[in-house]
């Protein structure tokens, strides 16, 4: 019996691009890429799904993965120096993990799914590959994520969302 090899289709980012375009949150990601660039970027991203209540990453973990949120809502929380719980919620069209991505420092908060969620992960190693092979796409993505960081840090209520 001869088996036919059918290559898997690369992941499609149409849902993510739509979520970014439709998001009206102050700190949502802008769309920095053309459709062809999104297609190229898709080969560097890994789909990731979370069930409600599942932790994406915990405060203190040293990991530089950046996550782009396609669907669902994520709760961002930590305890401050007075043991008060600080929270933010990020939704479709947003990013999480940008603090560790840029700073190379441990995660500043815990992020968990408030609802079932679909994310796209960009691990640090894959970003390095992207930077070497597609520097214009890497730069555009960094500038868009940097704008999110800036927006979050300038809004006292949203600072906790900078993870």
C-alpha atoms as a PDB file:
ATOM      1  CA  UNK A   1       0.000   0.000   0.000  1.00  0.00           C
ATOM      2  CA  UNK A   2       1.422   3.362  -1.048  1.00  0.00           C
ATOM      3  CA  UNK A   3       0.707   6.269   1.267  1.00  0.00           C
ATOM      4  CA  UNK A   4       0.422   9.718  -0.219  1.00  0.00           C
ATOM      5  CA  UNK A   5       2.151  12.469   1.688  1.00  0.00           C
ATOM      6  CA  UNK A   6      -0.017  15.550   2.050  1.00  0.00           C
ATOM      7  CA  UNK A   7       1.919  18.499   3.455  1.00  0.00           C
ATOM      8  CA  UNK A   8       0.188  20.362   6.220  1.00  0.00           C
ATOM      9  CA  UNK A   9      -1.046  23.788   5.294  1.00  0.00           C
ATOM     10  CA  UNK A  10       0.842  26.566   7.019  1.00  0.00           C
ATOM     11  CA  UNK A  11      -1.188  28.185   9.785  1.00  0.00           C
ATOM     12  CA  UNK A  12      -3.491  30.953   8.656  1.00  0.00           C
ATOM     13  CA  UNK A  13      -3.453  34.246  10.488  1.00  0.00           C
ATOM     14  CA  UNK A  14      -6.687  35.601   8.999  1.00  0.00           C
ATOM     15  CA  UNK A  15      -8.453  35.455  12.360  1.00  0.00           C
ATOM     16  CA  UNK A  16      -5.595  37.281  14.071  1.00  0.00           C
ATOM     17  CA  UNK A  17      -5.400  39.983  11.405  1.00  0.00           C
ATOM     18  CA  UNK A  18      -9.179  40.450  11.650  1.00  0.00           C
ATOM     19  CA  UNK A  19      -8.986  40.662  15.463  1.00  0.00           C
ATOM     20  CA  UNK A  20      -6.302  43.347  15.223  1.00  0.00           C
ATOM     21  CA  UNK A  21      -8.339  45.319  12.678  1.00  0.00           C
ATOM     22  CA  UNK A  22     -11.541  45.085  14.741  1.00  0.00           C
ATOM     23  CA  UNK A  23     -10.065  45.773  18.182  1.00  0.00           C
ATOM     24  CA  UNK A  24     -11.017  49.083  19.724  1.00  0.00           C
ATOM     25  CA  UNK A  25      -8.949  48.730  22.906  1.00  0.00           C
ATOM     26  CA  UNK A  26      -6.597  51.626  23.596  1.00  0.00           C
ATOM     27  CA  UNK A  27      -3.623  49.292  23.833  1.00  0.00           C
ATOM     28  CA  UNK A  28      -4.401  46.965  20.949  1.00  0.00           C
ATOM     29  CA  UNK A  29      -1.814  46.120  18.345  1.00  0.00           C
ATOM     30  CA  UNK A  30      -1.887  48.147  15.162  1.00  0.00           C
ATOM     31  CA  UNK A  31      -1.608  46.279  11.873  1.00  0.00           C
ATOM     32  CA  UNK A  32       1.968  46.911  10.770  1.00  0.00           C
ATOM     33  CA  UNK A  33       2.108  44.342   7.964  1.00  0.00           C
ATOM     34  CA  UNK A  34       0.840  43.699   4.460  1.00  0.00           C
ATOM     35  CA  UNK A  35      -1.039  40.457   3.694  1.00  0.00           C
ATOM     36  CA  UNK A  36       2.114  38.998   2.115  1.00  0.00           C
ATOM     37  CA  UNK A  37       4.146  39.894   5.215  1.00  0.00           C
ATOM     38  CA  UNK A  38       1.544  38.256   7.476  1.00  0.00           C
ATOM     39  CA  UNK A  39       1.840  35.118   5.344  1.00  0.00           C
ATOM     40  CA  UNK A  40       5.615  35.158   5.792  1.00  0.00           C
ATOM     41  CA  UNK A  41       5.276  35.794   9.528  1.00  0.00           C
ATOM     42  CA  UNK A  42       2.890  32.839   9.868  1.00  0.00           C
ATOM     43  CA  UNK A  43       5.798  30.443   9.312  1.00  0.00           C
ATOM     44  CA  UNK A  44       7.495  31.823  12.445  1.00  0.00           C
ATOM     45  CA  UNK A  45       4.437  31.774  14.725  1.00  0.00           C
ATOM     46  CA  UNK A  46       3.063  28.788  16.621  1.00  0.00           C
ATOM     47  CA  UNK A  47      -0.682  28.416  17.287  1.00  0.00           C
ATOM     48  CA  UNK A  48      -1.525  28.094  20.953  1.00  0.00           C
ATOM     49  CA  UNK A  49      -4.916  27.435  22.546  1.00  0.00           C
ATOM     50  CA  UNK A  50      -5.929  27.828  26.179  1.00  0.00           C
ATOM     51  CA  UNK A  51      -8.958  26.607  28.061  1.00  0.00           C
ATOM     52  CA  UNK A  52     -10.643  28.969  30.526  1.00  0.00           C
ATOM     53  CA  UNK A  53      -8.563  29.108  33.710  1.00  0.00           C
ATOM     54  CA  UNK A  54      -5.401  27.742  32.105  1.00  0.00           C
ATOM     55  CA  UNK A  55      -2.228  29.695  32.942  1.00  0.00           C
ATOM     56  CA  UNK A  56      -0.232  30.937  29.957  1.00  0.00           C
ATOM     57  CA  UNK A  57       2.742  31.997  32.077  1.00  0.00           C
ATOM     58  CA  UNK A  58       3.389  32.799  35.731  1.00  0.00           C
ATOM     59  CA  UNK A  59       5.025  35.823  37.339  1.00  0.00           C
ATOM     60  CA  UNK A  60       8.744  35.280  37.789  1.00  0.00           C
ATOM     61  CA  UNK A  61       9.220  32.837  34.900  1.00  0.00           C
ATOM     62  CA  UNK A  62      12.135  33.673  32.624  1.00  0.00           C
ATOM     63  CA  UNK A  63      10.739  33.339  29.098  1.00  0.00           C
ATOM     64  CA  UNK A  64      10.849  35.749  26.162  1.00  0.00           C
ATOM     65  CA  UNK A  65       7.935  34.395  24.118  1.00  0.00           C
ATOM     66  CA  UNK A  66       5.622  37.052  22.703  1.00  0.00           C
ATOM     67  CA  UNK A  67       1.936  36.163  22.264  1.00  0.00           C
ATOM     68  CA  UNK A  68      -0.542  37.736  19.853  1.00  0.00           C
ATOM     69  CA  UNK A  69      -4.182  37.228  20.899  1.00  0.00           C
ATOM     70  CA  UNK A  70      -6.581  36.096  18.181  1.00  0.00           C
ATOM     71  CA  UNK A  71      -9.595  35.300  20.344  1.00  0.00           C
ATOM     72  CA  UNK A  72     -10.671  35.061  23.960  1.00  0.00           C
ATOM     73  CA  UNK A  73      -9.801  37.138  27.001  1.00  0.00           C
ATOM     74  CA  UNK A  74      -6.749  36.854  29.201  1.00  0.00           C
ATOM     75  CA  UNK A  75      -6.502  37.955  32.814  1.00  0.00           C
ATOM     76  CA  UNK A  76      -3.248  39.647  33.815  1.00  0.00           C
ATOM     77  CA  UNK A  77      -2.636  39.785  37.558  1.00  0.00           C
ATOM     78  CA  UNK A  78      -0.008  40.053  40.268  1.00  0.00           C
ATOM     79  CA  UNK A  79       0.280  40.984  43.922  1.00  0.00           C
ATOM     80  CA  UNK A  80       1.954  44.309  44.648  1.00  0.00           C
ATOM     81  CA  UNK A  81       4.168  45.122  47.653  1.00  0.00           C
ATOM     82  CA  UNK A  82       1.080  45.547  49.887  1.00  0.00           C
ATOM     83  CA  UNK A  83      -0.360  42.155  48.838  1.00  0.00           C
ATOM     84  CA  UNK A  84      -3.064  43.795  46.733  1.00  0.00           C
ATOM     85  CA  UNK A  85      -4.114  41.995  43.580  1.00  0.00           C
ATOM     86  CA  UNK A  86      -3.711  44.103  40.440  1.00  0.00           C
ATOM     87  CA  UNK A  87      -5.530  43.064  37.290  1.00  0.00           C
ATOM     88  CA  UNK A  88      -6.090  43.884  33.673  1.00  0.00           C
ATOM     89  CA  UNK A  89      -7.870  42.020  30.915  1.00  0.00           C
ATOM     90  CA  UNK A  90      -6.552  41.811  27.391  1.00  0.00           C
ATOM     91  CA  UNK A  91      -8.572  40.566  24.462  1.00  0.00           C
ATOM     92  CA  UNK A  92      -8.459  39.895  20.745  1.00  0.00           C
ATOM     93  CA  UNK A  93      -5.999  42.041  18.827  1.00  0.00           C
ATOM     94  CA  UNK A  94      -3.730  42.496  21.855  1.00  0.00           C
ATOM     95  CA  UNK A  95      -0.319  41.150  22.786  1.00  0.00           C
ATOM     96  CA  UNK A  96       1.020  39.699  26.032  1.00  0.00           C
ATOM     97  CA  UNK A  97       4.531  38.810  27.036  1.00  0.00           C
ATOM     98  CA  UNK A  98       5.993  41.982  25.537  1.00  0.00           C
ATOM     99  CA  UNK A  99       7.787  42.966  28.756  1.00  0.00           C
ATOM    100  CA  UNK A 100       9.872  39.804  28.921  1.00  0.00           C
ATOM    101  CA  UNK A 101      10.290  39.812  25.149  1.00  0.00           C
ATOM    102  CA  UNK A 102      12.008  43.208  25.201  1.00  0.00           C
ATOM    103  CA  UNK A 103      13.635  43.226  28.651  1.00  0.00           C
ATOM    104  CA  UNK A 104      15.065  39.686  28.934  1.00  0.00           C
ATOM    105  CA  UNK A 105      13.766  39.771  32.525  1.00  0.00           C
ATOM    106  CA  UNK A 106      11.368  37.446  34.362  1.00  0.00           C
ATOM    107  CA  UNK A 107       7.645  37.828  33.751  1.00  0.00           C
ATOM    108  CA  UNK A 108       6.151  40.693  35.756  1.00  0.00           C
ATOM    109  CA  UNK A 109       2.679  39.165  36.076  1.00  0.00           C
ATOM    110  CA  UNK A 110       0.715  35.959  35.704  1.00  0.00           C
ATOM    111  CA  UNK A 111      -1.451  35.598  32.624  1.00  0.00           C
ATOM    112  CA  UNK A 112      -4.270  33.096  32.406  1.00  0.00           C
ATOM    113  CA  UNK A 113      -7.225  32.549  30.125  1.00  0.00           C
ATOM    114  CA  UNK A 114     -10.453  34.071  31.407  1.00  0.00           C
ATOM    115  CA  UNK A 115     -12.255  32.442  28.466  1.00  0.00           C
ATOM    116  CA  UNK A 116     -11.144  29.867  25.901  1.00  0.00           C
ATOM    117  CA  UNK A 117      -8.471  31.640  23.870  1.00  0.00           C
ATOM    118  CA  UNK A 118      -6.440  31.268  20.696  1.00  0.00           C
ATOM    119  CA  UNK A 119      -2.989  32.843  20.597  1.00  0.00           C
ATOM    120  CA  UNK A 120      -0.006  32.932  18.289  1.00  0.00           C
ATOM    121  CA  UNK A 121       3.360  32.454  20.001  1.00  0.00           C
ATOM    122  CA  UNK A 122       6.609  33.967  18.763  1.00  0.00           C
ATOM    123  CA  UNK A 123       9.452  32.401  20.772  1.00  0.00           C
ATOM    124  CA  UNK A 124      12.683  34.392  21.059  1.00  0.00           C
ATOM    125  CA  UNK A 125      14.611  31.951  18.872  1.00  0.00           C
ATOM    126  CA  UNK A 126      12.029  32.219  16.080  1.00  0.00           C
ATOM    127  CA  UNK A 127      12.142  36.018  16.377  1.00  0.00           C
ATOM    128  CA  UNK A 128      15.924  35.894  15.932  1.00  0.00           C
ATOM    129  CA  UNK A 129      15.431  33.822  12.781  1.00  0.00           C
ATOM    130  CA  UNK A 130      12.791  36.292  11.566  1.00  0.00           C
ATOM    131  CA  UNK A 131      15.156  39.204  12.238  1.00  0.00           C
ATOM    132  CA  UNK A 132      17.926  37.574  10.229  1.00  0.00           C
ATOM    133  CA  UNK A 133      15.779  36.459   7.300  1.00  0.00           C
ATOM    134  CA  UNK A 134      13.041  39.116   7.184  1.00  0.00           C
ATOM    135  CA  UNK A 135      14.374  42.229   8.939  1.00  0.00           C
ATOM    136  CA  UNK A 136      11.640  44.557   7.616  1.00  0.00           C
ATOM    137  CA  UNK A 137       8.912  42.334   9.073  1.00  0.00           C
ATOM    138  CA  UNK A 138      10.764  41.981  12.387  1.00  0.00           C
ATOM    139  CA  UNK A 139      11.234  45.742  12.628  1.00  0.00           C
ATOM    140  CA  UNK A 140       7.592  46.508  11.803  1.00  0.00           C
ATOM    141  CA  UNK A 141       6.406  43.986  14.401  1.00  0.00           C
ATOM    142  CA  UNK A 142       8.795  45.379  17.042  1.00  0.00           C
ATOM    143  CA  UNK A 143       7.635  48.932  16.422  1.00  0.00           C
ATOM    144  CA  UNK A 144       3.967  47.890  16.731  1.00  0.00           C
ATOM    145  CA  UNK A 145       4.609  45.942  19.944  1.00  0.00           C
ATOM    146  CA  UNK A 146       6.742  48.799  21.282  1.00  0.00           C
ATOM    147  CA  UNK A 147       3.799  51.142  20.706  1.00  0.00           C
ATOM    148  CA  UNK A 148       1.624  48.815  22.812  1.00  0.00           C
ATOM    149  CA  UNK A 149       4.186  48.913  25.631  1.00  0.00           C
ATOM    150  CA  UNK A 150       4.281  52.695  25.461  1.00  0.00           C
ATOM    151  CA  UNK A 151       0.473  52.952  25.570  1.00  0.00           C
ATOM    152  CA  UNK A 152       0.246  50.589  28.528  1.00  0.00           C
ATOM    153  CA  UNK A 153       2.939  52.325  30.521  1.00  0.00           C
ATOM    154  CA  UNK A 154       1.426  55.759  29.948  1.00  0.00           C
ATOM    155  CA  UNK A 155      -1.980  54.583  31.227  1.00  0.00           C
ATOM    156  CA  UNK A 156      -1.784  53.971  34.978  1.00  0.00           C
ATOM    157  CA  UNK A 157      -4.692  51.479  34.928  1.00  0.00           C
ATOM    158  CA  UNK A 158      -3.185  49.447  32.069  1.00  0.00           C
ATOM    159  CA  UNK A 159       0.400  49.247  33.384  1.00  0.00           C
ATOM    160  CA  UNK A 160      -0.239  45.834  34.865  1.00  0.00           C
ATOM    161  CA  UNK A 161      -0.963  44.575  31.339  1.00  0.00           C
ATOM    162  CA  UNK A 162       2.695  45.144  30.391  1.00  0.00           C
ATOM    163  CA  UNK A 163       3.895  41.578  30.937  1.00  0.00           C
END
